[in-house]
Protein backbone atom coordinates (compact mmCIF):
# COMPACT_ATOMS: atom_id res chain seq x y z
CA MET A 1 -213.73 -83.34 156.31
CA THR A 2 -210.20 -82.06 155.99
CA GLY A 3 -208.74 -79.80 153.34
CA THR A 4 -205.23 -79.40 152.04
CA THR A 5 -203.63 -76.17 150.94
CA ALA A 6 -201.50 -76.38 147.84
CA ALA A 7 -198.04 -74.86 148.26
CA ALA A 8 -197.46 -71.81 146.14
CA PRO A 9 -194.99 -72.47 143.34
CA ALA A 10 -191.50 -71.12 144.03
CA VAL A 11 -190.73 -68.01 142.06
CA ALA A 12 -187.13 -67.62 140.97
CA PRO A 13 -185.66 -64.25 141.88
CA PRO A 14 -185.02 -62.00 138.90
CA ALA A 15 -181.56 -62.27 137.43
CA PRO A 16 -179.36 -59.31 138.33
CA PRO A 17 -178.76 -56.95 135.43
CA GLU A 18 -175.59 -57.61 133.53
CA VAL A 19 -172.97 -55.03 134.34
CA ARG A 20 -170.67 -54.33 131.42
CA GLY A 21 -167.12 -53.29 132.13
CA PRO A 22 -165.67 -50.09 130.74
CA SER A 23 -164.78 -50.15 127.07
CA LEU A 24 -161.21 -50.31 125.85
CA LEU A 25 -161.56 -46.75 124.59
CA ARG A 26 -162.54 -45.50 128.03
CA LEU A 27 -159.77 -47.48 129.72
CA THR A 28 -157.26 -46.04 127.26
CA GLY A 29 -158.43 -42.54 128.10
CA VAL A 30 -157.93 -43.28 131.79
CA GLU A 31 -154.43 -44.62 131.16
CA LEU A 32 -153.53 -41.58 129.06
CA ARG A 33 -154.60 -39.36 131.93
CA LYS A 34 -152.51 -41.43 134.35
CA LEU A 35 -149.38 -40.78 132.26
CA ALA A 36 -149.48 -37.10 133.23
CA ASP A 37 -151.31 -37.31 136.58
CA THR A 38 -148.36 -38.66 138.54
CA ARG A 39 -145.46 -36.40 139.50
CA ALA A 40 -142.91 -38.67 137.84
CA GLY A 41 -144.88 -38.89 134.60
CA ALA A 42 -145.49 -35.16 134.43
CA TRP A 43 -141.84 -34.33 135.02
CA LEU A 44 -140.77 -36.90 132.46
CA LEU A 45 -143.06 -35.44 129.79
CA ALA A 46 -141.86 -31.92 130.62
CA THR A 47 -138.24 -33.07 130.44
CA ILE A 48 -138.77 -34.62 127.01
CA ALA A 49 -140.31 -31.39 125.71
CA LEU A 50 -137.58 -29.18 127.20
CA ILE A 51 -134.72 -31.33 125.89
CA THR A 52 -136.31 -31.44 122.43
CA VAL A 53 -136.49 -27.65 122.32
CA ALA A 54 -132.94 -27.36 123.69
CA LEU A 55 -131.58 -29.62 120.95
CA VAL A 56 -133.23 -27.53 118.25
CA VAL A 57 -131.76 -24.37 119.75
CA ALA A 58 -128.33 -26.03 119.95
CA GLN A 59 -128.52 -26.92 116.27
CA LEU A 60 -129.42 -23.34 115.39
CA ILE A 61 -126.40 -22.08 117.31
CA TRP A 62 -123.67 -24.60 116.56
CA ALA A 63 -124.70 -26.76 113.58
CA PRO A 64 -123.31 -25.84 110.14
CA ASP A 65 -125.75 -23.87 108.00
CA ALA A 66 -126.05 -26.78 105.54
CA ASP A 67 -127.27 -29.07 108.35
CA GLN A 68 -130.02 -26.72 109.49
CA THR A 69 -132.80 -28.46 107.57
CA PHE A 70 -136.23 -29.78 108.50
CA ALA A 71 -135.06 -33.41 108.20
CA ALA A 72 -131.95 -32.79 110.31
CA PHE A 73 -133.92 -31.00 113.03
CA PHE A 74 -136.44 -33.86 113.04
CA VAL A 75 -133.89 -36.68 113.34
CA PHE A 76 -131.90 -34.91 116.05
CA SER A 77 -135.04 -34.22 118.10
CA LEU A 78 -135.80 -37.95 118.20
CA LEU A 79 -132.87 -38.63 120.54
CA PRO A 80 -134.39 -37.53 123.87
CA THR A 81 -137.77 -39.09 123.16
CA GLY A 82 -136.18 -42.37 122.07
CA PHE A 83 -134.24 -42.51 125.34
CA LEU A 84 -136.93 -41.31 127.76
CA LEU A 85 -140.15 -42.67 126.26
CA PRO A 86 -139.36 -46.26 127.36
CA VAL A 87 -139.16 -44.96 130.94
CA LEU A 88 -142.69 -43.61 130.49
CA GLY A 89 -143.75 -47.07 129.31
CA ILE A 90 -142.20 -48.60 132.42
CA LEU A 91 -143.89 -46.12 134.75
CA SER A 92 -147.29 -46.72 133.16
CA VAL A 93 -147.10 -50.39 134.22
CA THR A 94 -145.08 -50.40 137.43
CA GLY A 95 -146.91 -47.36 138.84
CA GLU A 96 -149.88 -49.59 139.69
CA TRP A 97 -147.66 -51.57 142.07
CA SER A 98 -145.32 -48.88 143.39
CA GLN A 99 -148.23 -46.55 144.21
CA ARG A 100 -150.38 -49.44 145.45
CA THR A 101 -153.25 -48.68 143.10
CA ALA A 102 -153.30 -52.18 141.57
CA LEU A 103 -155.86 -53.37 144.13
CA THR A 104 -158.30 -50.62 143.14
CA THR A 105 -157.62 -50.90 139.41
CA TYR A 106 -158.03 -54.66 139.19
CA ALA A 107 -161.03 -54.64 141.54
CA LEU A 108 -162.84 -52.21 139.24
CA VAL A 109 -161.69 -54.07 136.12
CA PRO A 110 -161.15 -57.73 137.06
CA ARG A 111 -160.06 -58.65 133.53
CA ARG A 112 -156.46 -57.58 133.85
CA GLU A 113 -155.70 -58.18 130.20
CA ARG A 114 -158.03 -55.30 129.29
CA VAL A 115 -156.15 -52.94 131.60
CA ILE A 116 -152.82 -54.05 130.17
CA ALA A 117 -154.09 -53.63 126.61
CA ALA A 118 -155.25 -50.10 127.46
CA LYS A 119 -151.81 -49.29 128.91
CA LEU A 120 -150.09 -50.54 125.75
CA VAL A 121 -152.42 -48.52 123.53
CA ALA A 122 -151.87 -45.42 125.70
CA VAL A 123 -148.07 -45.57 125.52
CA THR A 124 -148.29 -46.24 121.78
CA LEU A 125 -150.35 -43.07 121.39
CA ALA A 126 -147.74 -41.25 123.47
CA ALA A 127 -145.09 -42.42 120.98
CA VAL A 128 -147.20 -41.10 118.10
CA ALA A 129 -147.56 -37.79 119.93
CA SER A 130 -143.77 -37.65 120.35
CA ILE A 131 -143.36 -37.88 116.57
CA LEU A 132 -145.79 -35.00 116.12
CA THR A 133 -143.83 -33.03 118.75
CA SER A 134 -140.57 -33.68 116.91
CA LEU A 135 -142.14 -32.56 113.64
CA GLY A 136 -143.39 -29.39 115.34
CA ALA A 137 -139.99 -28.67 116.86
CA ALA A 138 -138.33 -29.28 113.49
CA ALA A 139 -140.77 -26.88 111.83
CA ILE A 140 -139.99 -24.16 114.39
CA GLY A 141 -136.29 -24.72 113.91
CA THR A 142 -136.60 -24.52 110.14
CA LEU A 143 -138.57 -21.28 110.40
CA ALA A 144 -135.88 -19.86 112.68
CA THR A 145 -133.21 -20.48 110.04
CA GLY A 146 -134.63 -17.46 108.22
CA PHE A 147 -133.04 -15.38 110.98
CA THR A 148 -129.89 -17.44 111.52
CA GLY A 149 -128.94 -17.90 107.87
CA GLY A 150 -129.29 -21.70 107.83
CA ALA A 151 -130.23 -23.76 104.82
CA GLY A 152 -133.89 -23.92 105.81
CA ASP A 153 -134.65 -26.84 103.50
CA TRP A 154 -138.17 -28.18 104.15
CA ARG A 155 -137.79 -31.44 102.22
CA ILE A 156 -138.28 -34.67 104.17
CA GLU A 157 -138.99 -38.22 103.03
CA GLY A 158 -142.26 -39.74 104.23
CA SER A 159 -140.43 -43.03 104.79
CA LEU A 160 -138.15 -41.30 107.32
CA VAL A 161 -141.18 -40.27 109.39
CA LEU A 162 -142.60 -43.79 109.14
CA HIS A 163 -139.32 -45.38 110.23
CA ALA A 164 -139.06 -42.96 113.16
CA LEU A 165 -142.59 -43.88 114.21
CA VAL A 166 -141.73 -47.60 114.14
CA ILE A 167 -138.66 -47.05 116.31
CA GLN A 168 -140.43 -44.83 118.84
CA VAL A 169 -143.35 -47.25 119.20
CA ALA A 170 -140.96 -50.20 119.54
CA ASN A 171 -138.93 -48.38 122.20
CA VAL A 172 -141.90 -47.43 124.36
CA LEU A 173 -143.37 -50.94 124.09
CA MET A 174 -140.01 -52.41 125.09
CA GLY A 175 -140.12 -50.29 128.21
CA ALA A 176 -143.66 -51.44 128.97
CA ALA A 177 -142.59 -55.06 128.41
CA PHE A 178 -139.77 -54.76 130.95
CA GLY A 179 -142.20 -53.12 133.36
CA LEU A 180 -144.65 -56.01 133.02
CA LEU A 181 -141.88 -58.54 133.45
CA LEU A 182 -140.25 -57.03 136.55
CA LEU A 183 -143.16 -55.05 138.12
CA ASN A 184 -140.67 -52.81 139.94
CA THR A 185 -139.79 -49.33 138.69
CA PRO A 186 -136.07 -49.09 139.59
CA LEU A 187 -135.40 -52.69 138.62
CA ALA A 188 -137.22 -52.35 135.30
CA ILE A 189 -135.41 -49.11 134.39
CA VAL A 190 -132.00 -50.55 135.26
CA GLY A 191 -132.79 -53.79 133.44
CA PHE A 192 -134.02 -51.99 130.33
CA LEU A 193 -130.96 -49.73 130.18
CA LEU A 194 -128.35 -52.25 131.30
CA LEU A 195 -129.15 -55.52 129.55
CA PRO A 196 -129.22 -54.28 125.91
CA THR A 197 -126.17 -52.09 126.59
CA LEU A 198 -124.29 -55.01 128.13
CA TRP A 199 -125.16 -57.18 125.14
CA SER A 200 -123.95 -54.43 122.80
CA VAL A 201 -120.61 -54.18 124.63
CA LEU A 202 -120.12 -57.93 124.68
CA GLY A 203 -121.01 -58.16 121.00
CA GLY A 204 -118.30 -55.63 120.19
CA LEU A 205 -115.61 -57.21 122.39
CA ILE A 206 -116.13 -60.95 121.91
CA ARG A 207 -115.51 -62.10 118.36
CA PRO A 208 -117.94 -65.10 118.33
CA LEU A 209 -120.75 -62.79 119.44
CA ARG A 210 -120.28 -60.23 116.68
CA GLY A 211 -122.41 -62.17 114.21
CA PRO A 212 -125.39 -62.66 116.57
CA ALA A 213 -125.02 -59.08 117.82
CA GLY A 214 -125.83 -57.85 114.33
CA TRP A 215 -129.24 -59.47 114.74
CA LEU A 216 -129.86 -59.02 118.47
CA ASP A 217 -128.32 -55.64 119.32
CA THR A 218 -131.16 -53.12 119.08
CA GLY A 219 -128.64 -50.28 118.89
CA ARG A 220 -127.39 -51.71 115.60
CA THR A 221 -130.70 -52.91 114.21
CA MET A 222 -132.46 -49.58 114.88
CA GLU A 223 -129.71 -47.33 113.55
CA PRO A 224 -130.65 -47.65 109.84
CA PHE A 225 -134.19 -46.49 110.64
CA PHE A 226 -133.00 -42.94 111.20
CA THR A 227 -132.58 -42.73 107.43
CA PRO A 228 -135.26 -42.83 104.70
CA ASP A 229 -133.84 -45.92 102.97
CA VAL A 230 -134.08 -49.29 104.75
CA THR A 231 -133.46 -52.64 103.08
CA ALA A 232 -135.41 -55.87 103.57
CA GLY A 233 -132.43 -57.36 105.42
CA GLN A 234 -132.44 -54.45 107.87
CA TRP A 235 -136.16 -54.95 108.48
CA ALA A 236 -135.45 -58.63 109.17
CA ARG A 237 -132.70 -57.79 111.68
CA LEU A 238 -134.97 -55.35 113.46
CA GLY A 239 -137.71 -57.98 113.63
CA VAL A 240 -135.39 -60.57 115.19
CA SER A 241 -134.04 -58.12 117.77
CA LEU A 242 -137.55 -57.00 118.73
CA LEU A 243 -138.61 -60.63 119.06
CA VAL A 244 -135.96 -61.05 121.77
CA TRP A 245 -136.18 -57.69 123.53
CA LEU A 246 -139.89 -56.89 123.05
CA VAL A 247 -142.09 -59.90 122.30
CA VAL A 248 -140.54 -62.38 124.74
CA PRO A 249 -140.48 -60.00 127.76
CA LEU A 250 -143.99 -58.80 126.86
CA LEU A 251 -145.47 -62.31 126.81
CA ALA A 252 -143.61 -63.38 129.96
CA GLY A 253 -144.60 -60.16 131.72
CA LEU A 254 -148.23 -60.57 130.67
CA LEU A 255 -148.36 -64.04 132.21
CA ARG A 256 -146.71 -62.83 135.40
CA THR A 257 -149.03 -59.86 135.77
CA LEU A 258 -152.14 -61.95 135.14
CA ARG A 259 -151.09 -64.48 137.80
CA ARG A 260 -149.65 -62.18 140.44
CA GLU A 261 -151.73 -61.88 143.58
CA VAL A 262 -152.79 -58.33 144.42
CA ALA A 263 -152.22 -57.80 148.13
């Protein structure tokens, strides 16, 4: 008499626990910390703060008393941040490649679009912080007019602050868009500074380009937003110029960054 032994049923191994990636909020916090962790980013932020203070002091010394108002201090303090913030946006993106941290970053967070979204949110928050810094510098300047004899007028239109916020956010996102598109710090900075300036010069010199330049030259389309009153036509011109210089490079840069091999 022979017996057979039934084979034990195969038991499937337990499924590994699902590992959730870091939230967008946490990634944004990391990217905000990166803005000041690098030597270039820290010096850039310090330079923006120092130039802002220097401009307020210059207004107190040389500006006519009638122009020493809260609104005037605020608008004038926007100049250094509007010029340097886009460089911060570029560094936030290209730093991953120039410092060779992209391999670590995208290994920890394989979904690159989440990292890019966190970078865009971080630089947007930096632009909001720059507006608060300008308001603080303007307040200090207005208080100082009590000693210098300036007008010291505290009135400011809320629309002026809103328009300034739109311009600062647009500028820093334009820088980030060029960084995503070119993925090289010097090339992105030169491209961001040179291409719009070249278009502005050509639009002023070549007669057939003067009409399109009114819609595509960001220097012209952004200028009205340093005042409290902006028309619907001026909003439309700004939208068209940002479509060319912000949206298109941003989308093209996003595709390039998502497809680029990390070596």
